[in-house]
PDB file of N, CA and C in Angstrom:
ATOM      1  N   MET A   1       0.811  -1.185   0.000  1.00  0.00           N
ATOM      2  CA  MET A   1       0.000   0.000   0.000  1.00  0.00           C
ATOM      3  C   MET A   1       0.862   1.259   0.000  1.00  0.00           C
ATOM      4  N   MET A   2       2.033   1.171   0.583  1.00  0.00           N
ATOM      5  CA  MET A   2       2.910   2.346   0.654  1.00  0.00           C
ATOM      6  C   MET A   2       3.329   2.788  -0.737  1.00  0.00           C
ATOM      7  N   GLY A   3       3.560   1.833  -1.620  1.00  0.00           N
ATOM      8  CA  GLY A   3       3.953   2.170  -2.992  1.00  0.00           C
ATOM      9  C   GLY A   3       2.852   2.916  -3.717  1.00  0.00           C
ATOM     10  N   TRP A   4       1.610   2.470  -3.486  1.00  0.00           N
ATOM     11  CA  TRP A   4       0.467   3.119  -4.117  1.00  0.00           C
ATOM     12  C   TRP A   4       0.304   4.554  -3.634  1.00  0.00           C
ATOM     13  N   ASP A   5       0.409   4.765  -2.329  1.00  0.00           N
ATOM     14  CA  ASP A   5       0.269   6.115  -1.773  1.00  0.00           C
ATOM     15  C   ASP A   5       1.343   7.043  -2.318  1.00  0.00           C
ATOM     16  N   SER A   6       2.546   6.532  -2.422  1.00  0.00           N
ATOM     17  CA  SER A   6       3.651   7.334  -2.949  1.00  0.00           C
ATOM     18  C   SER A   6       3.399   7.693  -4.412  1.00  0.00           C
ATOM     19  N   TRP A   7       2.973   6.697  -5.174  1.00  0.00           N
ATOM     20  CA  TRP A   7       2.706   6.942  -6.589  1.00  0.00           C
ATOM     21  C   TRP A   7       1.556   7.939  -6.737  1.00  0.00           C
ATOM     22  N   LYS A   8       0.505   7.783  -5.942  1.00  0.00           N
ATOM     23  CA  LYS A   8      -0.659   8.665  -6.005  1.00  0.00           C
ATOM     24  C   LYS A   8      -0.284  10.108  -5.685  1.00  0.00           C
ATOM     25  N   LYS A   9       0.556  10.305  -4.670  1.00  0.00           N
ATOM     26  CA  LYS A   9       0.996  11.666  -4.323  1.00  0.00           C
ATOM     27  C   LYS A   9       1.790  12.276  -5.468  1.00  0.00           C
ATOM     28  N   GLY A  10       2.669  11.492  -6.059  1.00  0.00           N
ATOM     29  CA  GLY A  10       3.460  11.980  -7.194  1.00  0.00           C
ATOM     30  C   GLY A  10       2.583  12.328  -8.384  1.00  0.00           C
ATOM     31  N   PHE A  11       1.610  11.458  -8.641  1.00  0.00           N
ATOM     32  CA  PHE A  11       0.696  11.710  -9.756  1.00  0.00           C
ATOM     33  C   PHE A  11      -0.123  12.969  -9.517  1.00  0.00           C
ATOM     34  N   ASP A  12      -0.659  13.136  -8.305  1.00  0.00           N
ATOM     35  CA  ASP A  12      -1.447  14.324  -7.985  1.00  0.00           C
ATOM     36  C   ASP A  12      -0.627  15.604  -8.148  1.00  0.00           C
ATOM     37  N   ALA A  13       0.640  15.568  -7.702  1.00  0.00           N
ATOM     38  CA  ALA A  13       1.512  16.736  -7.850  1.00  0.00           C
ATOM     39  C   ALA A  13       1.737  17.040  -9.330  1.00  0.00           C
ATOM     40  N   TRP A  14       1.994  15.993 -10.122  1.00  0.00           N
ATOM     41  CA  TRP A  14       2.211  16.176 -11.559  1.00  0.00           C
ATOM     42  C   TRP A  14       0.939  16.726 -12.211  1.00  0.00           C
ATOM     43  N   GLU A  15      -0.216  16.180 -11.848  1.00  0.00           N
ATOM     44  CA  GLU A  15      -1.477  16.612 -12.442  1.00  0.00           C
ATOM     45  C   GLU A  15      -1.770  18.076 -12.129  1.00  0.00           C
ATOM     46  N   ASN A  16      -1.569  18.488 -10.892  1.00  0.00           N
ATOM     47  CA  ASN A  16      -1.818  19.883 -10.518  1.00  0.00           C
ATOM     48  C   ASN A  16      -0.902  20.837 -11.266  1.00  0.00           C
ATOM     49  N   THR A  17       0.374  20.506 -11.341  1.00  0.00           N
ATOM     50  CA  THR A  17       1.335  21.352 -12.048  1.00  0.00           C
ATOM     51  C   THR A  17       0.998  21.431 -13.530  1.00  0.00           C
ATOM     52  N   THR A  18       0.688  20.293 -14.126  1.00  0.00           N
ATOM     53  CA  THR A  18       0.362  20.253 -15.550  1.00  0.00           C
ATOM     54  C   THR A  18      -0.915  21.023 -15.833  1.00  0.00           C
ATOM     55  N   ALA A  19      -1.912  20.877 -14.992  1.00  0.00           N
ATOM     56  CA  ALA A  19      -3.192  21.576 -15.191  1.00  0.00           C
ATOM     57  C   ALA A  19      -2.994  23.086 -15.134  1.00  0.00           C
ATOM     58  N   LYS A  20      -2.223  23.563 -14.189  1.00  0.00           N
ATOM     59  CA  LYS A  20      -1.978  25.000 -14.086  1.00  0.00           C
ATOM     60  C   LYS A  20      -1.266  25.522 -15.334  1.00  0.00           C
ATOM     61  N   HIS A  21      -0.241  24.799 -15.755  1.00  0.00           N
ATOM     62  CA  HIS A  21       0.518  25.215 -16.932  1.00  0.00           C
ATOM     63  C   HIS A  21      -0.365  25.183 -18.182  1.00  0.00           C
ATOM     64  N   LEU A  22      -1.114  24.102 -18.354  1.00  0.00           N
ATOM     65  CA  LEU A  22      -1.961  23.960 -19.536  1.00  0.00           C
ATOM     66  C   LEU A  22      -3.057  25.021 -19.568  1.00  0.00           C
ATOM     67  N   GLU A  23      -3.625  25.358 -18.414  1.00  0.00           N
ATOM     68  CA  GLU A  23      -4.650  26.393 -18.356  1.00  0.00           C
ATOM     69  C   GLU A  23      -4.071  27.740 -18.780  1.00  0.00           C
ATOM     70  N   THR A  24      -2.863  28.026 -18.343  1.00  0.00           N
ATOM     71  CA  THR A  24      -2.202  29.277 -18.729  1.00  0.00           C
ATOM     72  C   THR A  24      -1.955  29.310 -20.232  1.00  0.00           C
ATOM     73  N   VAL A  25      -1.475  28.212 -20.778  1.00  0.00           N
ATOM     74  CA  VAL A  25      -1.179  28.150 -22.213  1.00  0.00           C
ATOM     75  C   VAL A  25      -2.462  28.275 -23.035  1.00  0.00           C
ATOM     76  N   LEU A  26      -3.516  27.578 -22.633  1.00  0.00           N
ATOM     77  CA  LEU A  26      -4.752  27.589 -23.416  1.00  0.00           C
ATOM     78  C   LEU A  26      -5.495  28.913 -23.340  1.00  0.00           C
ATOM     79  N   ARG A  27      -5.238  29.720 -22.338  1.00  0.00           N
ATOM     80  CA  ARG A  27      -5.869  31.046 -22.244  1.00  0.00           C
ATOM     81  C   ARG A  27      -5.060  32.114 -22.983  1.00  0.00           C
ATOM     82  N   SER A  28      -3.910  31.759 -23.468  1.00  0.00           N
ATOM     83  CA  SER A  28      -3.040  32.708 -24.143  1.00  0.00           C
ATOM     84  C   SER A  28      -3.627  33.115 -25.493  1.00  0.00           C
ATOM     85  N   PRO A  29      -3.550  34.399 -25.837  1.00  0.00           N
ATOM     86  CA  PRO A  29      -4.011  34.853 -27.153  1.00  0.00           C
ATOM     87  C   PRO A  29      -3.218  34.211 -28.295  1.00  0.00           C
ATOM     88  N   LEU A  30      -2.003  33.784 -28.017  1.00  0.00           N
ATOM     89  CA  LEU A  30      -1.201  33.134 -29.051  1.00  0.00           C
ATOM     90  C   LEU A  30      -1.762  31.767 -29.418  1.00  0.00           C
ATOM     91  N   VAL A  31      -2.536  31.179 -28.530  1.00  0.00           N
ATOM     92  CA  VAL A  31      -3.169  29.889 -28.808  1.00  0.00           C
ATOM     93  C   VAL A  31      -4.613  30.103 -29.259  1.00  0.00           C
ATOM     94  N   LEU A  32      -5.319  31.025 -28.607  1.00  0.00           N
ATOM     95  CA  LEU A  32      -6.730  31.241 -28.914  1.00  0.00           C
ATOM     96  C   LEU A  32      -6.965  31.778 -30.323  1.00  0.00           C
ATOM     97  N   GLY A  33      -6.132  32.716 -30.773  1.00  0.00           N
ATOM     98  CA  GLY A  33      -6.306  33.301 -32.110  1.00  0.00           C
ATOM     99  C   GLY A  33      -6.205  32.266 -33.214  1.00  0.00           C
ATOM    100  N   PRO A  34      -5.082  31.564 -33.309  1.00  0.00           N
ATOM    101  CA  PRO A  34      -4.969  30.541 -34.352  1.00  0.00           C
ATOM    102  C   PRO A  34      -5.967  29.390 -34.162  1.00  0.00           C
ATOM    103  N   GLY A  35      -6.280  29.064 -32.913  1.00  0.00           N
ATOM    104  CA  GLY A  35      -7.260  28.005 -32.671  1.00  0.00           C
ATOM    105  C   GLY A  35      -8.630  28.389 -33.206  1.00  0.00           C
ATOM    106  N   GLY A  36      -9.027  29.642 -32.983  1.00  0.00           N
ATOM    107  CA  GLY A  36     -10.299  30.129 -33.511  1.00  0.00           C
ATOM    108  C   GLY A  36     -10.309  30.152 -35.025  1.00  0.00           C
ATOM    109  N   ALA A  37      -9.188  30.575 -35.617  1.00  0.00           N
ATOM    110  CA  ALA A  37      -9.085  30.600 -37.078  1.00  0.00           C
ATOM    111  C   ALA A  37      -9.178  29.188 -37.648  1.00  0.00           C
ATOM    112  N   LEU A  38      -8.535  28.243 -36.982  1.00  0.00           N
ATOM    113  CA  LEU A  38      -8.589  26.849 -37.424  1.00  0.00           C
ATOM    114  C   LEU A  38     -10.015  26.318 -37.331  1.00  0.00           C
ATOM    115  N   LEU A  39     -10.693  26.615 -36.233  1.00  0.00           N
ATOM    116  CA  LEU A  39     -12.074  26.165 -36.068  1.00  0.00           C
ATOM    117  C   LEU A  39     -12.975  26.758 -37.145  1.00  0.00           C
ATOM    118  N   THR A  40     -12.778  28.026 -37.462  1.00  0.00           N
ATOM    119  CA  THR A  40     -13.560  28.684 -38.510  1.00  0.00           C
ATOM    120  C   THR A  40     -13.326  27.998 -39.851  1.00  0.00           C
ATOM    121  N   ALA A  41     -12.062  27.712 -40.163  1.00  0.00           N
ATOM    122  CA  ALA A  41     -11.739  27.047 -41.430  1.00  0.00           C
ATOM    123  C   ALA A  41     -12.358  25.655 -41.497  1.00  0.00           C
ATOM    124  N   VAL A  42     -12.307  24.935 -40.387  1.00  0.00           N
ATOM    125  CA  VAL A  42     -12.879  23.586 -40.361  1.00  0.00           C
ATOM    126  C   VAL A  42     -14.390  23.642 -40.566  1.00  0.00           C
ATOM    127  N   MET A  43     -15.053  24.606 -39.930  1.00  0.00           N
ATOM    128  CA  MET A  43     -16.509  24.707 -40.059  1.00  0.00           C
ATOM    129  C   MET A  43     -16.908  25.125 -41.482  1.00  0.00           C
ATOM    130  N   ARG A  44     -16.134  25.996 -42.110  1.00  0.00           N
ATOM    131  CA  ARG A  44     -16.414  26.377 -43.502  1.00  0.00           C
ATOM    132  C   ARG A  44     -16.232  25.176 -44.419  1.00  0.00           C
ATOM    133  N   SER A  45     -15.192  24.419 -44.154  1.00  0.00           N
ATOM    134  CA  SER A  45     -14.936  23.219 -44.950  1.00  0.00           C
ATOM    135  C   SER A  45     -16.067  22.215 -44.776  1.00  0.00           C
ATOM    136  N   LYS A  46     -16.538  22.051 -43.541  1.00  0.00           N
ATOM    137  CA  LYS A  46     -17.650  21.132 -43.287  1.00  0.00           C
ATOM    138  C   LYS A  46     -18.899  21.584 -44.021  1.00  0.00           C
ATOM    139  N   ALA A  47     -19.169  22.891 -44.018  1.00  0.00           N
ATOM    140  CA  ALA A  47     -20.334  23.420 -44.723  1.00  0.00           C
ATOM    141  C   ALA A  47     -20.232  23.131 -46.221  1.00  0.00           C
ATOM    142  N   SER A  48     -19.039  23.271 -46.777  1.00  0.00           N
ATOM    143  CA  SER A  48     -18.839  22.986 -48.204  1.00  0.00           C
ATOM    144  C   SER A  48     -19.069  21.508 -48.499  1.00  0.00           C
ATOM    145  N   VAL A  49     -18.537  20.655 -47.651  1.00  0.00           N
ATOM    146  CA  VAL A  49     -18.702  19.211 -47.842  1.00  0.00           C
ATOM    147  C   VAL A  49     -20.176  18.833 -47.711  1.00  0.00           C
ATOM    148  N   ASP A  50     -20.861  19.396 -46.718  1.00  0.00           N
ATOM    149  CA  ASP A  50     -22.283  19.106 -46.539  1.00  0.00           C
ATOM    150  C   ASP A  50     -23.086  19.544 -47.766  1.00  0.00           C
ATOM    151  N   GLY A  51     -22.754  20.712 -48.292  1.00  0.00           N
ATOM    152  CA  GLY A  51     -23.444  21.196 -49.493  1.00  0.00           C
ATOM    153  C   GLY A  51     -23.199  20.283 -50.688  1.00  0.00           C
ATOM    154  N   ALA A  52     -21.954  19.829 -50.843  1.00  0.00           N
ATOM    155  CA  ALA A  52     -21.630  18.928 -51.951  1.00  0.00           C
ATOM    156  C   ALA A  52     -22.367  17.597 -51.794  1.00  0.00           C
ATOM    157  N   LEU A  53     -22.435  17.084 -50.573  1.00  0.00           N
ATOM    158  CA  LEU A  53     -23.153  15.828 -50.344  1.00  0.00           C
ATOM    159  C   LEU A  53     -24.650  15.985 -50.609  1.00  0.00           C
ATOM    160  N   ASP A  54     -25.215  17.115 -50.199  1.00  0.00           N
ATOM    161  CA  ASP A  54     -26.631  17.367 -50.480  1.00  0.00           C
ATOM    162  C   ASP A  54     -26.882  17.393 -51.985  1.00  0.00           C
ATOM    163  N   SER A  55     -25.999  18.050 -52.713  1.00  0.00           N
ATOM    164  CA  SER A  55     -26.146  18.113 -54.167  1.00  0.00           C
ATOM    165  C   SER A  55     -26.038  16.726 -54.786  1.00  0.00           C
ATOM    166  N   TRP A  56     -25.114  15.937 -54.267  1.00  0.00           N
ATOM    167  CA  TRP A  56     -24.909  14.586 -54.791  1.00  0.00           C
ATOM    168  C   TRP A  56     -26.140  13.727 -54.530  1.00  0.00           C
ATOM    169  N   TRP A  57     -26.680  13.781 -53.295  1.00  0.00           N
ATOM    170  CA  TRP A  57     -27.878  13.004 -52.960  1.00  0.00           C
ATOM    171  C   TRP A  57     -29.050  13.454 -53.831  1.00  0.00           C
ATOM    172  N   SER A  58     -29.176  14.774 -54.017  1.00  0.00           N
ATOM    173  CA  SER A  58     -30.267  15.296 -54.842  1.00  0.00           C
ATOM    174  C   SER A  58     -30.132  14.837 -56.283  1.00  0.00           C
ATOM    175  N   ALA A  59     -28.903  14.811 -56.784  1.00  0.00           N
ATOM    176  CA  ALA A  59     -28.668  14.365 -58.156  1.00  0.00           C
ATOM    177  C   ALA A  59     -29.069  12.900 -58.334  1.00  0.00           C
ATOM    178  N   LEU A  60     -28.936  12.116 -57.280  1.00  0.00           N
ATOM    179  CA  LEU A  60     -29.349  10.713 -57.341  1.00  0.00           C
ATOM    180  C   LEU A  60     -30.851  10.546 -57.139  1.00  0.00           C
ATOM    181  N   GLY A  61     -31.528  11.644 -56.825  1.00  0.00           N
ATOM    182  CA  GLY A  61     -32.969  11.590 -56.616  1.00  0.00           C
ATOM    183  C   GLY A  61     -33.355  11.148 -55.222  1.00  0.00           C
ATOM    184  N   LEU A  62     -32.398  11.182 -54.301  1.00  0.00           N
ATOM    185  CA  LEU A  62     -32.677  10.783 -52.926  1.00  0.00           C
ATOM    186  C   LEU A  62     -32.878  12.016 -52.052  1.00  0.00           C
ATOM    187  N   PRO A  63     -33.687  11.898 -51.020  1.00  0.00           N
ATOM    188  CA  PRO A  63     -33.920  13.057 -50.159  1.00  0.00           C
ATOM    189  C   PRO A  63     -32.692  13.384 -49.306  1.00  0.00           C
ATOM    190  N   THR A  64     -32.429  14.656 -49.167  1.00  0.00           N
ATOM    191  CA  THR A  64     -31.328  15.094 -48.314  1.00  0.00           C
ATOM    192  C   THR A  64     -31.814  15.129 -46.872  1.00  0.00           C
ATOM    193  N   ARG A  65     -30.911  15.401 -45.970  1.00  0.00           N
ATOM    194  CA  ARG A  65     -31.291  15.477 -44.561  1.00  0.00           C
ATOM    195  C   ARG A  65     -32.332  16.573 -44.346  1.00  0.00           C
ATOM    196  N   ARG A  66     -32.144  17.695 -45.006  1.00  0.00           N
ATOM    197  CA  ARG A  66     -33.092  18.804 -44.887  1.00  0.00           C
ATOM    198  C   ARG A  66     -34.472  18.386 -45.399  1.00  0.00           C
ATOM    199  N   ASP A  67     -34.495  17.661 -46.518  1.00  0.00           N
ATOM    200  CA  ASP A  67     -35.760  17.175 -47.057  1.00  0.00           C
ATOM    201  C   ASP A  67     -36.448  16.232 -46.062  1.00  0.00           C
ATOM    202  N   GLN A  68     -35.667  15.354 -45.462  1.00  0.00           N
ATOM    203  CA  GLN A  68     -36.218  14.410 -44.490  1.00  0.00           C
ATOM    204  C   GLN A  68     -36.752  15.144 -43.259  1.00  0.00           C
ATOM    205  N   GLU A  69     -36.022  16.172 -42.813  1.00  0.00           N
ATOM    206  CA  GLU A  69     -36.472  16.939 -41.647  1.00  0.00           C
ATOM    207  C   GLU A  69     -37.775  17.678 -41.958  1.00  0.00           C
ATOM    208  N   ARG A  70     -37.884  18.242 -43.175  1.00  0.00           N
ATOM    209  CA  ARG A  70     -39.113  18.924 -43.567  1.00  0.00           C
ATOM    210  C   ARG A  70     -40.288  17.952 -43.597  1.00  0.00           C
ATOM    211  N   ALA A  71     -40.060  16.774 -44.166  1.00  0.00           N
ATOM    212  CA  ALA A  71     -41.126  15.773 -44.240  1.00  0.00           C
ATOM    213  C   ALA A  71     -41.536  15.318 -42.846  1.00  0.00           C
ATOM    214  N   LEU A  72     -40.564  15.129 -41.965  1.00  0.00           N
ATOM    215  CA  LEU A  72     -40.869  14.712 -40.604  1.00  0.00           C
ATOM    216  C   LEU A  72     -41.659  15.794 -39.864  1.00  0.00           C
ATOM    217  N   HIS A  73     -41.296  17.042 -40.084  1.00  0.00           N
ATOM    218  CA  HIS A  73     -42.014  18.148 -39.456  1.00  0.00           C
ATOM    219  C   HIS A  73     -43.463  18.182 -39.939  1.00  0.00           C
ATOM    220  N   ALA A  74     -43.650  18.036 -41.240  1.00  0.00           N
ATOM    221  CA  ALA A  74     -45.006  18.036 -41.798  1.00  0.00           C
ATOM    222  C   ALA A  74     -45.808  16.854 -41.250  1.00  0.00           C
ATOM    223  N   LEU A  75     -45.167  15.701 -41.136  1.00  0.00           N
ATOM    224  CA  LEU A  75     -45.831  14.518 -40.589  1.00  0.00           C
ATOM    225  C   LEU A  75     -46.236  14.742 -39.138  1.00  0.00           C
ATOM    226  N   ASN A  76     -45.360  15.363 -38.361  1.00  0.00           N
ATOM    227  CA  ASN A  76     -45.687  15.662 -36.965  1.00  0.00           C
ATOM    228  C   ASN A  76     -46.853  16.638 -36.858  1.00  0.00           C
ATOM    229  N   GLN A  77     -46.882  17.633 -37.739  1.00  0.00           N
ATOM    230  CA  GLN A  77     -47.994  18.584 -37.737  1.00  0.00           C
ATOM    231  C   GLN A  77     -49.305  17.883 -38.067  1.00  0.00           C
ATOM    232  N   MET A  78     -49.271  17.013 -39.067  1.00  0.00           N
ATOM    233  CA  MET A  78     -50.483  16.289 -39.441  1.00  0.00           C
ATOM    234  C   MET A  78     -50.935  15.370 -38.314  1.00  0.00           C
ATOM    235  N   GLN A  79     -50.006  14.745 -37.642  1.00  0.00           N
ATOM    236  CA  GLN A  79     -50.355  13.874 -36.525  1.00  0.00           C
ATOM    237  C   GLN A  79     -51.001  14.673 -35.397  1.00  0.00           C
ATOM    238  N   SER A  80     -50.449  15.840 -35.102  1.00  0.00           N
ATOM    239  CA  SER A  80     -51.033  16.693 -34.060  1.00  0.00           C
ATOM    240  C   SER A  80     -52.448  17.115 -34.434  1.00  0.00           C
ATOM    241  N   ARG A  81     -52.658  17.477 -35.681  1.00  0.00           N
ATOM    242  CA  ARG A  81     -53.999  17.881 -36.131  1.00  0.00           C
ATOM    243  C   ARG A  81     -54.970  16.707 -36.058  1.00  0.00           C
ATOM    244  N   LEU A  82     -54.500  15.526 -36.415  1.00  0.00           N
ATOM    245  CA  LEU A  82     -55.343  14.341 -36.358  1.00  0.00           C
ATOM    246  C   LEU A  82     -55.742  14.029 -34.916  1.00  0.00           C
ATOM    247  N   ILE A  83     -54.813  14.151 -34.010  1.00  0.00           N
ATOM    248  CA  ILE A  83     -55.119  13.930 -32.588  1.00  0.00           C
ATOM    249  C   ILE A  83     -56.148  14.947 -32.111  1.00  0.00           C
ATOM    250  N   ASP A  84     -55.969  16.226 -32.506  1.00  0.00           N
ATOM    251  CA  ASP A  84     -56.939  17.266 -32.132  1.00  0.00           C
ATOM    252  C   ASP A  84     -58.326  16.943 -32.696  1.00  0.00           C
ATOM    253  N   LEU A  85     -58.380  16.498 -33.962  1.00  0.00           N
ATOM    254  CA  LEU A  85     -59.667  16.155 -34.573  1.00  0.00           C
ATOM    255  C   LEU A  85     -60.319  14.968 -33.856  1.00  0.00           C
ATOM    256  N   GLU A  86     -59.524  13.976 -33.474  1.00  0.00           N
ATOM    257  CA  GLU A  86     -60.067  12.820 -32.756  1.00  0.00           C
ATOM    258  C   GLU A  86     -60.651  13.248 -31.413  1.00  0.00           C
ATOM    259  N   GLU A  87     -59.960  14.162 -30.723  1.00  0.00           N
ATOM    260  CA  GLU A  87     -60.467  14.654 -29.443  1.00  0.00           C
ATOM    261  C   GLU A  87     -61.763  15.435 -29.634  1.00  0.00           C
ATOM    262  N   THR A  88     -61.796  16.278 -30.659  1.00  0.00           N
ATOM    263  CA  THR A  88     -63.003  17.055 -30.948  1.00  0.00           C
ATOM    264  C   THR A  88     -64.156  16.126 -31.296  1.00  0.00           C
ATOM    265  N   LEU A  89     -63.892  15.135 -32.113  1.00  0.00           N
ATOM    266  CA  LEU A  89     -64.921  14.165 -32.496  1.00  0.00           C
ATOM    267  C   LEU A  89     -65.426  13.411 -31.275  1.00  0.00           C
ATOM    268  N   GLY A  90     -64.524  13.047 -30.385  1.00  0.00           N
ATOM    269  CA  GLY A  90     -64.927  12.377 -29.147  1.00  0.00           C
ATOM    270  C   GLY A  90     -65.823  13.254 -28.299  1.00  0.00           C
ATOM    271  N   GLU A  91     -65.501  14.534 -28.219  1.00  0.00           N
ATOM    272  CA  GLU A  91     -66.339  15.467 -27.457  1.00  0.00           C
ATOM    273  C   GLU A  91     -67.722  15.612 -28.095  1.00  0.00           C
ATOM    274  N   ILE A  92     -67.760  15.704 -29.413  1.00  0.00           N
ATOM    275  CA  ILE A  92     -69.040  15.833 -30.124  1.00  0.00           C
ATOM    276  C   ILE A  92     -69.890  14.590 -29.899  1.00  0.00           C
ATOM    277  N   ARG A  93     -69.276  13.421 -30.000  1.00  0.00           N
ATOM    278  CA  ARG A  93     -70.023  12.178 -29.765  1.00  0.00           C
ATOM    279  C   ARG A  93     -70.546  12.113 -28.337  1.00  0.00           C
ATOM    280  N   ALA A  94     -69.732  12.545 -27.378  1.00  0.00           N
ATOM    281  CA  ALA A  94     -70.165  12.533 -25.978  1.00  0.00           C
ATOM    282  C   ALA A  94     -71.358  13.462 -25.786  1.00  0.00           C
ATOM    283  N   GLN A  95     -71.326  14.641 -26.433  1.00  0.00           N
ATOM    284  CA  GLN A  95     -72.447  15.583 -26.332  1.00  0.00           C
ATOM    285  C   GLN A  95     -73.687  15.000 -26.976  1.00  0.00           C
ATOM    286  N   GLN A  96     -73.544  14.332 -28.118  1.00  0.00           N
ATOM    287  CA  GLN A  96     -74.683  13.738 -28.801  1.00  0.00           C
ATOM    288  C   GLN A  96     -75.315  12.632 -27.962  1.00  0.00           C
ATOM    289  N   GLN A  97     -74.453  11.851 -27.300  1.00  0.00           N
ATOM    290  CA  GLN A  97     -74.978  10.787 -26.442  1.00  0.00           C
ATOM    291  C   GLN A  97     -75.734  11.366 -25.260  1.00  0.00           C
ATOM    292  N   LYS A  98     -75.218  12.444 -24.698  1.00  0.00           N
ATOM    293  CA  LYS A  98     -75.898  13.090 -23.569  1.00  0.00           C
ATOM    294  C   LYS A  98     -77.247  13.647 -24.020  1.00  0.00           C
ATOM    295  N   SER A  99     -77.270  14.293 -25.181  1.00  0.00           N
ATOM    296  CA  SER A  99     -78.515  14.898 -25.656  1.00  0.00           C
ATOM    297  C   SER A  99     -79.533  13.823 -26.067  1.00  0.00           C
ATOM    298  N   SER A 100     -79.091  12.699 -26.574  1.00  0.00           N
ATOM    299  CA  SER A 100     -80.018  11.632 -26.963  1.00  0.00           C
ATOM    300  C   SER A 100     -80.542  10.881 -25.741  1.00  0.00           C
ATOM    301  N   GLN A 101     -79.764  10.864 -24.661  1.00  0.00           N
ATOM    302  CA  GLN A 101     -80.187  10.210 -23.439  1.00  0.00           C
ATOM    303  C   GLN A 101     -81.094  11.123 -22.602  1.00  0.00           C
ATOM    304  N   GLY A 102     -80.822  12.415 -22.684  1.00  0.00           N
ATOM    305  CA  GLY A 102     -81.553  13.367 -21.824  1.00  0.00           C
ATOM    306  C   GLY A 102     -82.821  13.793 -22.411  1.00  0.00           C
TER     307      GLY A 102
END
Protein backbone atom coordinates (compact mmCIF):
# COMPACT_ATOMS: atom_id res chain seq x y z
CA MET A 1 0.00 0.00 0.00
CA MET A 2 2.91 2.35 0.65
CA GLY A 3 3.95 2.17 -2.99
CA TRP A 4 0.47 3.12 -4.12
CA ASP A 5 0.27 6.11 -1.77
CA SER A 6 3.65 7.33 -2.95
CA TRP A 7 2.71 6.94 -6.59
CA LYS A 8 -0.66 8.66 -6.00
CA LYS A 9 1.00 11.67 -4.32
CA GLY A 10 3.46 11.98 -7.19
CA PHE A 11 0.70 11.71 -9.76
CA ASP A 12 -1.45 14.32 -7.99
CA ALA A 13 1.51 16.74 -7.85
CA TRP A 14 2.21 16.18 -11.56
CA GLU A 15 -1.48 16.61 -12.44
CA ASN A 16 -1.82 19.88 -10.52
CA THR A 17 1.34 21.35 -12.05
CA THR A 18 0.36 20.25 -15.55
CA ALA A 19 -3.19 21.58 -15.19
CA LYS A 20 -1.98 25.00 -14.09
CA HIS A 21 0.52 25.22 -16.93
CA LEU A 22 -1.96 23.96 -19.54
CA GLU A 23 -4.65 26.39 -18.36
CA THR A 24 -2.20 29.28 -18.73
CA VAL A 25 -1.18 28.15 -22.21
CA LEU A 26 -4.75 27.59 -23.42
CA ARG A 27 -5.87 31.05 -22.24
CA SER A 28 -3.04 32.71 -24.14
CA PRO A 29 -4.01 34.85 -27.15
CA LEU A 30 -1.20 33.13 -29.05
CA VAL A 31 -3.17 29.89 -28.81
CA LEU A 32 -6.73 31.24 -28.91
CA GLY A 33 -6.31 33.30 -32.11
CA PRO A 34 -4.97 30.54 -34.35
CA GLY A 35 -7.26 28.00 -32.67
CA GLY A 36 -10.30 30.13 -33.51
CA ALA A 37 -9.09 30.60 -37.08
CA LEU A 38 -8.59 26.85 -37.42
CA LEU A 39 -12.07 26.16 -36.07
CA THR A 40 -13.56 28.68 -38.51
CA ALA A 41 -11.74 27.05 -41.43
CA VAL A 42 -12.88 23.59 -40.36
CA MET A 43 -16.51 24.71 -40.06
CA ARG A 44 -16.41 26.38 -43.50
CA SER A 45 -14.94 23.22 -44.95
CA LYS A 46 -17.65 21.13 -43.29
CA ALA A 47 -20.33 23.42 -44.72
CA SER A 48 -18.84 22.99 -48.20
CA VAL A 49 -18.70 19.21 -47.84
CA ASP A 50 -22.28 19.11 -46.54
CA GLY A 51 -23.44 21.20 -49.49
CA ALA A 52 -21.63 18.93 -51.95
CA LEU A 53 -23.15 15.83 -50.34
CA ASP A 54 -26.63 17.37 -50.48
CA SER A 55 -26.15 18.11 -54.17
CA TRP A 56 -24.91 14.59 -54.79
CA TRP A 57 -27.88 13.00 -52.96
CA SER A 58 -30.27 15.30 -54.84
CA ALA A 59 -28.67 14.36 -58.16
CA LEU A 60 -29.35 10.71 -57.34
CA GLY A 61 -32.97 11.59 -56.62
CA LEU A 62 -32.68 10.78 -52.93
CA PRO A 63 -33.92 13.06 -50.16
CA THR A 64 -31.33 15.09 -48.31
CA ARG A 65 -31.29 15.48 -44.56
CA ARG A 66 -33.09 18.80 -44.89
CA ASP A 67 -35.76 17.18 -47.06
CA GLN A 68 -36.22 14.41 -44.49
CA GLU A 69 -36.47 16.94 -41.65
CA ARG A 70 -39.11 18.92 -43.57
CA ALA A 71 -41.13 15.77 -44.24
CA LEU A 72 -40.87 14.71 -40.60
CA HIS A 73 -42.01 18.15 -39.46
CA ALA A 74 -45.01 18.04 -41.80
CA LEU A 75 -45.83 14.52 -40.59
CA ASN A 76 -45.69 15.66 -36.97
CA GLN A 77 -47.99 18.58 -37.74
CA MET A 78 -50.48 16.29 -39.44
CA GLN A 79 -50.36 13.87 -36.53
CA SER A 80 -51.03 16.69 -34.06
CA ARG A 81 -54.00 17.88 -36.13
CA LEU A 82 -55.34 14.34 -36.36
CA ILE A 83 -55.12 13.93 -32.59
CA ASP A 84 -56.94 17.27 -32.13
CA LEU A 85 -59.67 16.16 -34.57
CA GLU A 86 -60.07 12.82 -32.76
CA GLU A 87 -60.47 14.65 -29.44
CA THR A 88 -63.00 17.05 -30.95
CA LEU A 89 -64.92 14.16 -32.50
CA GLY A 90 -64.93 12.38 -29.15
CA GLU A 91 -66.34 15.47 -27.46
CA ILE A 92 -69.04 15.83 -30.12
CA ARG A 93 -70.02 12.18 -29.76
CA ALA A 94 -70.17 12.53 -25.98
CA GLN A 95 -72.45 15.58 -26.33
CA GLN A 96 -74.68 13.74 -28.80
CA GLN A 97 -74.98 10.79 -26.44
CA LYS A 98 -75.90 13.09 -23.57
CA SER A 99 -78.51 14.90 -25.66
CA SER A 100 -80.02 11.63 -26.96
CA GLN A 101 -80.19 10.21 -23.44
CA GLY A 102 -81.55 13.37 -21.82
